[in-house]
Amino acid sequence: MQNNITLDKLKKGEKATIHSFKSNELPAKFYELGFTPGAPIEIKHIAPLKGPMCINIIEQDSLIAIRRKEANLILISRI
């Protein structure tokens, strides 16, 4: 099942692949951290009250917390 949606719509435990970006406003640090098209990811934790999301970039086995505002700029395809 593949839907192109934004990263902030995923729930804890869901896996996806980064498809593209909605805007060029995403800071360069995201590319350096591994948020590149084709990268498989998994949602590990979601803070309450629209707080940050903790995302595992599977290939690098790294956990990265990002704001919901930034997650809304990342388009993904569910795995």
Protein backbone atom coordinates (compact mmCIF):
# COMPACT_ATOMS: atom_id res chain seq x y z
CA MET A 1 0.00 0.00 0.00
CA GLN A 2 1.67 3.19 -1.11
CA ASN A 3 0.27 6.62 -0.44
CA ASN A 4 2.16 9.85 -0.99
CA ILE A 5 1.49 11.73 2.22
CA THR A 6 3.49 13.98 4.52
CA LEU A 7 5.68 12.50 7.22
CA ASP A 8 3.70 14.13 10.03
CA LYS A 9 0.68 11.92 9.19
CA LEU A 10 2.42 8.66 10.18
CA LYS A 11 1.79 6.96 13.50
CA LYS A 12 4.21 5.28 15.88
CA GLY A 13 5.62 2.06 14.41
CA GLU A 14 4.75 2.83 10.78
CA LYS A 15 7.44 2.53 8.11
CA ALA A 16 7.82 4.54 4.92
CA THR A 17 10.23 5.63 2.23
CA ILE A 18 11.02 9.28 1.63
CA HIS A 19 9.61 10.26 -1.76
CA SER A 20 10.36 13.99 -2.15
CA PHE A 21 10.01 17.38 -0.47
CA LYS A 22 7.16 19.90 -0.67
CA SER A 23 9.44 22.89 -0.43
CA ASN A 24 13.04 23.99 -0.69
CA GLU A 25 12.70 25.51 2.79
CA LEU A 26 13.92 22.32 4.44
CA PRO A 27 17.33 23.05 6.00
CA ALA A 28 20.41 21.38 4.49
CA LYS A 29 21.02 19.58 7.79
CA PHE A 30 18.18 17.18 6.92
CA TYR A 31 20.03 15.95 3.85
CA GLU A 32 23.19 15.54 5.92
CA LEU A 33 21.26 13.54 8.55
CA GLY A 34 19.99 11.09 5.92
CA PHE A 35 16.59 12.48 4.90
CA THR A 36 17.12 11.79 1.22
CA PRO A 37 14.69 10.47 -1.40
CA GLY A 38 14.55 6.67 -1.25
CA ALA A 39 15.64 6.45 2.40
CA PRO A 40 13.54 4.01 4.46
CA ILE A 41 12.34 5.38 7.81
CA GLU A 42 10.31 4.28 10.82
CA ILE A 43 8.45 6.37 13.41
CA LYS A 44 9.78 5.45 16.86
CA HIS A 45 8.16 8.04 19.15
CA ILE A 46 5.69 10.90 18.89
CA ALA A 47 5.54 13.52 21.63
CA PRO A 48 2.08 14.49 22.87
CA LEU A 49 0.35 17.77 22.06
CA LYS A 50 1.76 18.09 18.52
CA GLY A 51 5.32 17.80 19.82
CA PRO A 52 8.34 16.50 17.91
CA MET A 53 8.60 13.10 16.22
CA CYS A 54 11.49 10.68 16.68
CA ILE A 55 12.37 9.01 13.39
CA ASN A 56 14.68 6.09 12.76
CA ILE A 57 16.55 6.31 9.46
CA ILE A 58 16.81 2.56 8.98
CA GLU A 59 19.91 2.36 6.75
CA GLN A 60 21.96 4.40 9.22
CA ASP A 61 20.23 3.06 12.34
CA SER A 62 20.02 6.61 13.68
CA LEU A 63 17.28 8.30 15.68
CA ILE A 64 16.47 11.90 14.83
CA ALA A 65 13.84 14.15 16.39
CA ILE A 66 12.18 16.71 14.12
CA ARG A 67 9.39 19.24 14.53
CA ARG A 68 5.97 18.54 13.06
CA LYS A 69 6.32 21.70 10.96
CA GLU A 70 9.40 20.23 9.29
CA ALA A 71 7.84 16.77 8.97
CA ASN A 72 4.99 18.41 7.04
CA LEU A 73 7.49 19.33 4.28
CA ILE A 74 8.63 15.73 3.69
CA LEU A 75 6.56 13.57 1.32
CA ILE A 76 6.69 9.83 1.95
CA SER A 77 5.31 6.56 0.59
CA ARG A 78 4.09 4.04 3.17
CA ILE A 79 5.68 0.61 3.11
